[in-house]
N, C-alpha and C. Protein backbone atom coordinates (compact mmCIF):
# COMPACT_ATOMS: atom_id res chain seq x y z
N MET A 1 -15.00 32.00 -9.66
CA MET A 1 -15.33 33.64 -11.45
C MET A 1 -14.20 34.31 -11.11
N PHE A 2 -13.97 34.26 -9.79
CA PHE A 2 -12.60 35.20 -9.84
C PHE A 2 -11.71 34.73 -8.98
N HIS A 3 -10.18 35.41 -8.89
CA HIS A 3 -9.81 34.04 -7.62
C HIS A 3 -8.50 35.82 -7.10
N VAL A 4 -9.04 35.91 -6.38
CA VAL A 4 -8.19 37.25 -5.51
C VAL A 4 -6.79 36.44 -4.53
N ILE A 5 -6.06 36.89 -4.97
CA ILE A 5 -4.52 37.03 -4.13
C ILE A 5 -4.58 38.00 -3.16
N LEU A 6 -4.29 37.95 -1.80
CA LEU A 6 -2.90 38.72 -1.28
C LEU A 6 -1.88 37.71 -0.79
N TYR A 7 -1.36 39.07 -0.81
CA TYR A 7 0.73 38.63 -0.81
C TYR A 7 0.46 39.10 0.37
N GLN A 8 0.86 38.33 1.52
CA GLN A 8 1.99 38.63 2.38
C GLN A 8 0.50 39.38 3.40
N PRO A 9 -1.00 39.43 3.62
CA PRO A 9 -1.60 40.21 4.89
C PRO A 9 -0.68 40.58 5.28
N GLU A 10 -1.43 41.66 6.39
CA GLU A 10 -0.57 41.82 7.83
C GLU A 10 -2.45 42.80 8.80
N ILE A 11 -3.39 42.81 8.18
CA ILE A 11 -4.34 43.34 8.87
C ILE A 11 -5.24 42.44 8.72
N PRO A 12 -5.87 41.66 10.08
CA PRO A 12 -6.76 40.55 10.16
C PRO A 12 -8.24 40.98 9.53
N PRO A 13 -8.47 42.61 10.05
CA PRO A 13 -9.85 42.84 9.77
C PRO A 13 -10.12 43.21 8.31
N ASN A 14 -9.34 43.12 7.12
CA ASN A 14 -9.12 43.95 6.63
C ASN A 14 -9.76 42.27 5.32
N THR A 15 -8.34 41.20 5.72
CA THR A 15 -8.74 39.38 5.62
C THR A 15 -10.16 39.29 6.02
N GLY A 16 -10.31 39.60 6.54
CA GLY A 16 -12.14 38.94 7.01
C GLY A 16 -12.98 40.17 6.17
N ASN A 17 -12.72 41.16 5.47
CA ASN A 17 -14.06 42.26 4.81
C ASN A 17 -13.42 41.16 3.71
N ILE A 18 -12.06 41.44 3.44
CA ILE A 18 -11.77 40.14 1.81
C ILE A 18 -13.10 39.14 1.86
N ILE A 19 -13.06 38.31 3.23
CA ILE A 19 -13.87 37.15 2.83
C ILE A 19 -15.11 36.59 2.63
N ARG A 20 -15.62 37.74 3.26
CA ARG A 20 -17.08 38.29 2.84
C ARG A 20 -16.75 38.52 1.53
N LEU A 21 -16.37 39.77 0.79
CA LEU A 21 -16.58 39.89 -0.60
C LEU A 21 -16.35 39.00 -1.04
N CYS A 22 -15.35 37.94 -0.85
CA CYS A 22 -14.38 36.53 -2.06
C CYS A 22 -16.22 35.28 -1.33
N ALA A 23 -16.86 35.26 -0.51
CA ALA A 23 -18.27 34.63 -0.49
C ALA A 23 -18.98 35.91 -1.01
N ASN A 24 -19.39 36.33 -0.76
CA ASN A 24 -20.91 36.95 -1.63
C ASN A 24 -20.66 37.90 -3.26
N THR A 25 -19.46 37.54 -3.60
CA THR A 25 -18.97 36.98 -5.17
C THR A 25 -18.97 36.48 -6.18
N GLY A 26 -18.10 34.47 -5.35
CA GLY A 26 -18.44 33.86 -5.81
C GLY A 26 -16.97 33.56 -5.71
N SER A 27 -15.74 34.59 -5.49
CA SER A 27 -14.45 34.82 -5.66
C SER A 27 -14.22 33.52 -4.55
N ARG A 28 -12.93 33.45 -5.64
CA ARG A 28 -11.09 31.96 -4.87
C ARG A 28 -10.81 33.17 -3.86
N LEU A 29 -10.47 33.10 -2.88
CA LEU A 29 -9.52 33.76 -2.13
C LEU A 29 -8.33 33.13 -1.77
N HIS A 30 -7.05 32.92 -2.16
CA HIS A 30 -5.48 32.43 -1.96
C HIS A 30 -4.48 33.36 -1.17
N LEU A 31 -4.63 33.19 0.54
CA LEU A 31 -3.44 33.69 0.93
C LEU A 31 -2.45 33.24 0.97
N ILE A 32 -1.14 33.90 0.13
CA ILE A 32 0.36 33.94 0.90
C ILE A 32 0.64 34.13 2.14
N GLU A 33 1.84 32.84 2.52
CA GLU A 33 2.79 33.06 3.92
C GLU A 33 3.62 34.15 3.76
N PRO A 34 4.30 34.73 4.61
CA PRO A 34 3.47 34.16 5.93
C PRO A 34 2.02 35.72 6.06
N LEU A 35 1.60 35.20 6.84
CA LEU A 35 0.30 36.12 7.52
C LEU A 35 0.59 36.76 8.59
N GLY A 36 0.16 37.81 8.18
CA GLY A 36 0.57 38.65 10.01
C GLY A 36 -0.41 38.44 11.42
N PHE A 37 -0.67 37.78 11.21
CA PHE A 37 -2.00 37.48 12.67
C PHE A 37 -2.82 35.88 12.19
N SER A 38 -3.46 35.52 12.63
CA SER A 38 -3.54 33.52 12.58
C SER A 38 -5.03 33.25 12.14
N LEU A 39 -5.38 32.12 11.09
CA LEU A 39 -6.70 32.55 10.88
C LEU A 39 -7.76 32.56 12.06
N GLU A 40 -7.41 32.34 13.48
CA GLU A 40 -8.27 31.93 14.52
C GLU A 40 -8.41 33.32 14.86
N ASP A 41 -8.09 35.19 14.18
CA ASP A 41 -7.89 36.18 15.31
C ASP A 41 -9.04 36.27 15.14
N LYS A 42 -9.15 36.67 16.19
CA LYS A 42 -11.00 37.20 17.03
C LYS A 42 -11.18 38.19 15.49
N GLN A 43 -10.90 39.18 15.50
CA GLN A 43 -10.90 40.88 14.35
C GLN A 43 -11.40 40.08 12.73
N LEU A 44 -10.41 39.30 12.34
CA LEU A 44 -10.52 38.73 11.64
C LEU A 44 -11.81 37.62 11.68
N VAL A 45 -12.16 37.34 12.31
CA VAL A 45 -13.41 36.78 11.84
C VAL A 45 -13.77 37.11 12.65
N ARG A 46 -14.42 38.39 13.55
CA ARG A 46 -15.64 39.61 13.59
C ARG A 46 -16.04 40.28 12.08
N ALA A 47 -14.82 40.57 11.47
CA ALA A 47 -14.59 41.47 10.03
C ALA A 47 -15.13 40.32 9.63
N GLY A 48 -14.84 39.26 8.66
CA GLY A 48 -16.09 38.11 8.63
C GLY A 48 -17.23 37.57 8.78
N LEU A 49 -17.65 37.83 9.39
CA LEU A 49 -19.42 37.63 9.79
C LEU A 49 -18.97 36.24 10.36
N ASP A 50 -19.93 35.40 9.34
CA ASP A 50 -20.20 33.97 8.96
C ASP A 50 -20.23 33.80 8.01
N TYR A 51 -19.30 34.55 7.19
CA TYR A 51 -19.11 34.21 5.55
C TYR A 51 -17.73 33.90 5.52
N HIS A 52 -17.12 32.62 6.22
CA HIS A 52 -16.10 32.21 6.46
C HIS A 52 -16.34 30.39 5.43
N GLU A 53 -17.31 30.01 6.00
CA GLU A 53 -17.96 29.30 5.85
C GLU A 53 -19.00 29.26 3.63
N PHE A 54 -19.08 30.03 3.71
CA PHE A 54 -19.10 30.24 2.59
C PHE A 54 -18.22 30.86 1.90
N ALA A 55 -17.16 30.79 1.77
CA ALA A 55 -15.76 31.63 1.18
C ALA A 55 -14.95 30.66 0.63
N THR A 56 -14.27 29.85 -0.39
CA THR A 56 -13.48 29.37 -0.62
C THR A 56 -11.87 30.23 -0.34
N LEU A 57 -11.16 29.12 0.16
CA LEU A 57 -10.11 30.02 0.99
C LEU A 57 -9.04 28.52 1.13
N GLN A 58 -8.09 29.52 0.57
CA GLN A 58 -6.42 28.86 0.73
C GLN A 58 -4.96 29.46 0.95
N VAL A 59 -4.70 28.50 1.84
CA VAL A 59 -3.66 29.29 2.07
C VAL A 59 -1.75 28.54 1.38
N TYR A 60 -0.87 28.75 0.56
CA TYR A 60 -0.17 28.45 0.57
C TYR A 60 1.12 29.52 1.16
N LYS A 61 2.15 29.15 0.58
CA LYS A 61 3.61 29.57 1.42
C LYS A 61 4.11 30.15 0.39
N THR A 62 4.04 30.10 -0.77
CA THR A 62 5.13 31.13 -2.36
C THR A 62 3.76 31.39 -2.81
N LEU A 63 4.04 32.42 -3.31
CA LEU A 63 3.30 32.93 -4.44
C LEU A 63 3.02 31.60 -5.88
N GLN A 64 3.98 30.95 -5.64
CA GLN A 64 4.75 30.55 -7.23
C GLN A 64 4.33 28.76 -6.91
N ASP A 65 2.85 28.50 -5.87
CA ASP A 65 2.91 27.90 -5.06
C ASP A 65 1.26 27.20 -5.41
N CYS A 66 0.71 28.94 -5.31
CA CYS A 66 -0.18 29.08 -5.30
C CYS A 66 -0.49 29.22 -7.07
N LEU A 67 0.40 29.82 -7.90
CA LEU A 67 -0.16 29.76 -9.49
C LEU A 67 -0.16 28.56 -9.57
N ALA A 68 0.70 27.55 -9.18
CA ALA A 68 0.65 26.21 -10.16
C ALA A 68 -0.27 25.60 -9.55
N ALA A 69 -1.02 25.81 -7.97
CA ALA A 69 -2.32 25.33 -8.09
C ALA A 69 -3.67 25.10 -8.49
N PHE A 70 -3.74 26.14 -9.68
CA PHE A 70 -4.98 26.22 -10.55
C PHE A 70 -4.27 26.89 -11.70
N ASP A 71 -3.47 27.00 -12.44
CA ASP A 71 -2.40 27.50 -13.39
C ASP A 71 -3.93 28.30 -14.11
N PRO A 72 -3.49 29.66 -13.66
CA PRO A 72 -3.82 31.08 -14.46
C PRO A 72 -3.98 31.18 -15.85
N ALA A 73 -4.55 32.17 -16.04
CA ALA A 73 -4.74 31.90 -17.81
C ALA A 73 -4.47 33.83 -17.93
N ARG A 74 -4.81 34.46 -16.07
CA ARG A 74 -4.36 36.17 -16.51
C ARG A 74 -4.17 36.33 -14.85
N VAL A 75 -3.07 37.70 -14.89
CA VAL A 75 -3.02 37.38 -13.37
C VAL A 75 -2.71 39.35 -13.83
N PHE A 76 -2.72 39.58 -12.76
CA PHE A 76 -3.47 41.78 -12.41
C PHE A 76 -3.28 41.70 -11.12
N ALA A 77 -1.91 42.55 -11.16
CA ALA A 77 -1.24 43.02 -9.89
C ALA A 77 -1.82 44.16 -10.14
N LEU A 78 -2.15 44.19 -8.53
CA LEU A 78 -2.74 46.04 -8.37
C LEU A 78 -2.07 46.38 -7.73
N THR A 79 -1.37 47.92 -7.61
CA THR A 79 -0.38 48.55 -7.39
C THR A 79 0.10 49.60 -8.28
N THR A 80 0.49 50.99 -6.90
CA THR A 80 0.99 52.39 -7.01
C THR A 80 1.42 52.58 -8.73
N LYS A 81 2.00 51.48 -8.47
CA LYS A 81 3.59 51.60 -9.46
C LYS A 81 2.19 50.95 -11.10
N GLY A 82 1.19 50.41 -10.68
CA GLY A 82 0.94 50.48 -12.17
C GLY A 82 0.90 51.88 -13.14
N LEU A 83 1.14 50.81 -14.69
CA LEU A 83 1.06 51.98 -15.28
C LEU A 83 -0.71 52.50 -16.17
N HIS A 84 -2.16 50.98 -15.79
CA HIS A 84 -2.55 51.52 -16.71
C HIS A 84 -4.03 51.38 -15.61
N ALA A 85 -4.49 52.13 -16.11
CA ALA A 85 -5.96 52.19 -14.58
C ALA A 85 -6.69 51.12 -15.35
N PHE A 86 -7.22 50.66 -13.84
CA PHE A 86 -7.73 49.13 -13.19
C PHE A 86 -8.84 48.58 -14.62
N HIS A 87 -9.95 49.82 -15.16
CA HIS A 87 -10.92 49.95 -15.90
C HIS A 87 -11.16 49.82 -17.62
N GLN A 88 -9.47 50.44 -17.42
CA GLN A 88 -9.31 49.64 -19.05
C GLN A 88 -9.12 48.75 -19.77
N VAL A 89 -9.41 46.75 -18.49
CA VAL A 89 -8.96 46.16 -19.00
C VAL A 89 -10.40 45.45 -18.96
N GLN A 90 -10.72 44.71 -20.96
CA GLN A 90 -11.95 43.12 -20.29
C GLN A 90 -11.26 42.80 -19.28
N TYR A 91 -12.10 42.09 -17.97
CA TYR A 91 -11.44 41.01 -17.71
C TYR A 91 -12.74 39.96 -17.83
N ARG A 92 -12.38 38.53 -17.57
CA ARG A 92 -12.87 37.58 -18.05
C ARG A 92 -12.76 36.36 -16.54
N SER A 93 -13.90 35.71 -16.04
CA SER A 93 -13.62 34.92 -15.14
C SER A 93 -13.02 34.43 -16.03
N GLY A 94 -12.71 33.87 -14.04
CA GLY A 94 -10.82 32.51 -14.26
C GLY A 94 -9.80 33.92 -14.05
N ASP A 95 -9.52 35.29 -14.27
CA ASP A 95 -9.26 35.75 -13.84
C ASP A 95 -8.28 36.04 -12.50
N VAL A 96 -7.40 36.99 -12.62
CA VAL A 96 -6.24 36.30 -11.01
C VAL A 96 -6.24 38.25 -10.29
N PHE A 97 -6.29 38.86 -8.97
CA PHE A 97 -5.74 39.98 -9.15
C PHE A 97 -5.06 39.80 -7.66
N LEU A 98 -3.95 39.90 -7.35
CA LEU A 98 -2.95 40.21 -6.37
C LEU A 98 -2.72 41.19 -6.10
N PHE A 99 -3.00 40.73 -4.32
CA PHE A 99 -2.85 42.40 -4.18
C PHE A 99 -1.59 42.66 -2.56
N GLY A 100 -0.68 42.60 -2.81
CA GLY A 100 0.21 42.97 -1.61
C GLY A 100 -0.02 43.47 -0.86
N PRO A 101 1.16 42.90 1.05
CA PRO A 101 1.00 43.76 1.83
C PRO A 101 0.41 45.09 2.42
N GLU A 102 -0.43 45.64 3.28
CA GLU A 102 -0.73 45.84 3.53
C GLU A 102 0.07 47.55 3.72
N SER A 103 1.28 47.54 3.91
CA SER A 103 2.37 48.42 4.36
C SER A 103 3.25 49.15 3.22
N ARG A 104 3.35 47.68 2.95
CA ARG A 104 4.76 48.73 1.73
C ARG A 104 4.66 47.02 0.40
N GLY A 105 3.37 46.80 0.17
CA GLY A 105 2.48 46.61 -1.14
C GLY A 105 3.43 45.08 -1.81
N LEU A 106 3.28 45.13 -2.83
CA LEU A 106 4.11 44.08 -3.60
C LEU A 106 5.58 44.48 -3.97
N PRO A 107 6.39 43.79 -3.38
CA PRO A 107 7.16 44.04 -3.94
C PRO A 107 7.84 43.48 -5.10
N ALA A 108 9.44 44.48 -4.86
CA ALA A 108 9.45 44.59 -6.49
C ALA A 108 9.85 43.48 -7.80
N GLU A 109 9.77 42.70 -6.82
CA GLU A 109 10.53 41.03 -7.39
C GLU A 109 9.58 40.34 -7.71
N VAL A 110 8.44 40.82 -6.94
CA VAL A 110 6.77 39.57 -7.51
C VAL A 110 6.46 40.52 -8.67
N LEU A 111 6.45 42.27 -8.95
CA LEU A 111 5.88 42.56 -10.05
C LEU A 111 7.04 42.32 -11.48
N GLY A 112 7.88 42.85 -10.47
CA GLY A 112 9.03 42.16 -12.26
C GLY A 112 9.04 41.49 -13.02
N GLN A 113 8.12 40.01 -12.20
CA GLN A 113 7.33 38.40 -12.99
C GLN A 113 6.49 39.17 -13.65
N LEU A 114 5.81 40.18 -13.80
CA LEU A 114 4.29 41.15 -14.93
C LEU A 114 4.86 42.53 -15.36
N ASP A 115 4.10 41.86 -16.96
CA ASP A 115 4.26 42.54 -17.92
C ASP A 115 3.82 43.81 -17.26
N ALA A 116 3.85 45.18 -18.17
CA ALA A 116 4.06 46.21 -18.15
C ALA A 116 1.77 46.26 -17.16
N CYS A 117 1.54 45.37 -19.06
CA CYS A 117 -0.15 45.51 -19.52
C CYS A 117 -0.75 45.18 -17.62
N GLN A 118 -0.28 44.04 -16.95
CA GLN A 118 -0.61 43.66 -16.27
C GLN A 118 -0.89 44.09 -14.19
N ARG A 119 0.11 44.99 -15.07
CA ARG A 119 0.44 45.72 -13.88
C ARG A 119 -0.81 47.69 -13.55
N LEU A 120 -1.38 46.97 -12.67
CA LEU A 120 -2.88 48.11 -12.95
C LEU A 120 -2.84 48.16 -12.00
N ARG A 121 -3.31 49.91 -11.97
CA ARG A 121 -3.54 51.08 -10.36
C ARG A 121 -5.37 51.33 -10.62
N LEU A 122 -5.61 52.14 -9.64
CA LEU A 122 -7.29 53.14 -9.06
C LEU A 122 -6.60 54.09 -8.97
N PRO A 123 -6.92 54.66 -10.03
CA PRO A 123 -6.92 55.94 -10.19
C PRO A 123 -7.65 56.83 -8.80
N MET A 124 -6.25 57.97 -8.16
CA MET A 124 -6.66 58.88 -6.98
C MET A 124 -6.77 59.59 -7.57
N LEU A 125 -7.05 60.41 -6.56
CA LEU A 125 -6.64 62.35 -6.24
C LEU A 125 -4.59 61.87 -5.81
N PRO A 126 -3.64 63.71 -6.95
CA PRO A 126 -2.74 63.37 -6.71
C PRO A 126 -2.03 63.24 -5.48
N ALA A 127 -0.89 63.44 -4.82
CA ALA A 127 -0.70 63.43 -3.30
C ALA A 127 -0.91 62.68 -2.47
N ASN A 128 -1.88 61.26 -3.02
CA ASN A 128 -2.28 60.21 -1.84
C ASN A 128 -1.57 58.97 -1.82
N ARG A 129 -0.79 58.23 -1.03
CA ARG A 129 -0.54 57.52 -1.40
C ARG A 129 -1.18 55.83 -1.78
N SER A 130 -2.22 55.54 -1.45
CA SER A 130 -3.09 54.15 -1.67
C SER A 130 -4.77 53.87 -1.04
N LEU A 131 -5.39 53.83 -0.89
CA LEU A 131 -6.44 52.99 -0.25
C LEU A 131 -6.71 51.92 0.49
N ASN A 132 -7.30 51.47 1.54
CA ASN A 132 -7.03 50.09 2.07
C ASN A 132 -7.42 49.19 0.97
N LEU A 133 -6.88 48.44 1.89
CA LEU A 133 -6.27 46.50 0.77
C LEU A 133 -8.31 46.49 0.21
N SER A 134 -8.90 46.27 1.30
CA SER A 134 -10.39 45.18 1.26
C SER A 134 -10.82 46.57 0.66
N ASN A 135 -10.87 47.38 0.28
CA ASN A 135 -12.11 48.19 -0.40
C ASN A 135 -11.34 48.16 -1.52
N THR A 136 -10.12 47.87 -1.51
CA THR A 136 -9.01 48.40 -3.19
C THR A 136 -9.77 46.31 -4.13
N VAL A 137 -9.77 45.85 -3.02
CA VAL A 137 -10.22 44.04 -3.95
C VAL A 137 -11.76 44.79 -4.09
N ALA A 138 -12.63 44.84 -3.56
CA ALA A 138 -13.50 45.28 -3.61
C ALA A 138 -13.51 46.39 -4.74
N VAL A 139 -13.20 46.75 -5.28
CA VAL A 139 -13.55 48.01 -6.06
C VAL A 139 -13.62 46.81 -7.22
N VAL A 140 -12.62 46.40 -7.38
CA VAL A 140 -12.06 45.36 -9.00
C VAL A 140 -12.37 44.69 -8.72
N VAL A 141 -12.65 43.52 -7.76
CA VAL A 141 -13.72 42.63 -7.99
C VAL A 141 -15.13 43.07 -8.78
N TYR A 142 -15.93 43.92 -8.04
CA TYR A 142 -17.40 44.52 -8.94
C TYR A 142 -17.03 44.51 -9.85
N GLU A 143 -15.56 45.64 -10.32
CA GLU A 143 -15.58 46.28 -12.08
C GLU A 143 -15.63 44.75 -12.68
N ALA A 144 -14.20 44.28 -12.70
CA ALA A 144 -14.69 42.58 -12.78
C ALA A 144 -15.88 42.03 -12.89
N TRP A 145 -17.10 41.49 -12.42
CA TRP A 145 -17.64 41.17 -12.32
C TRP A 145 -19.28 41.62 -13.02
N ARG A 146 -18.89 43.39 -12.80
CA ARG A 146 -20.01 44.21 -13.48
C ARG A 146 -19.83 44.35 -15.76
N GLN A 147 -18.53 43.56 -15.08
CA GLN A 147 -18.38 43.31 -17.01
C GLN A 147 -18.23 42.15 -17.12
N CYS A 148 -18.54 40.78 -16.40
CA CYS A 148 -18.79 40.04 -16.86
C CYS A 148 -19.96 39.96 -16.57
N GLY A 149 -21.26 40.72 -16.69
CA GLY A 149 -22.83 41.25 -16.42
C GLY A 149 -22.75 40.46 -14.82
N PHE A 150 -22.17 40.62 -14.20
CA PHE A 150 -22.60 39.60 -13.13
C PHE A 150 -23.36 38.52 -12.73
N GLU A 151 -22.49 37.43 -13.48
CA GLU A 151 -22.85 35.71 -13.73
C GLU A 151 -23.03 35.48 -12.38
N HIS A 152 -24.00 34.54 -12.21
CA HIS A 152 -24.78 34.37 -11.20
C HIS A 152 -25.05 34.99 -10.15
N ALA A 153 -24.97 36.12 -9.96
CA ALA A 153 -25.77 37.24 -9.83
C ALA A 153 -27.61 36.32 -9.18
N ASN A 154 -27.89 37.06 -8.04
CA ASN A 154 -29.20 36.86 -7.81
C ASN A 154 -29.51 38.84 -7.83
N GLY A 155 -29.64 39.42 -8.74
CA GLY A 155 -30.23 41.04 -8.93
C GLY A 155 -29.46 42.11 -9.33
């Protein structure tokens, strides 16, 4: 359905929650090293519950390796520096959502590889820094899936 890329994720429970989200939405999860944890981390496993077996997860050394592995048509980076709100895009099956590490977001060199229309933000109240990573991923994936008519959903 969709591809979720976590660029150098740092917090195991966030990634565990995202594993569960991807398993329940049919999204594929891609992790870019270095990871701030081991895939056997107890917090990661606990947050993902028993959904690890239902999620498609792959780890890559670099973002370029990841993108070359499945050659996506459209990549959208979620960033507080985005000019366009995430809900203003018409999503399609196969779209890619790229998220940065929790403590610092996507680096300028990664954002610089994308056109301004590919850098999206979630609306927030002024003076707030950011939302939790797993919450942000959930909001974006569910909006994209909603736009696609909840394709393959059971209800």
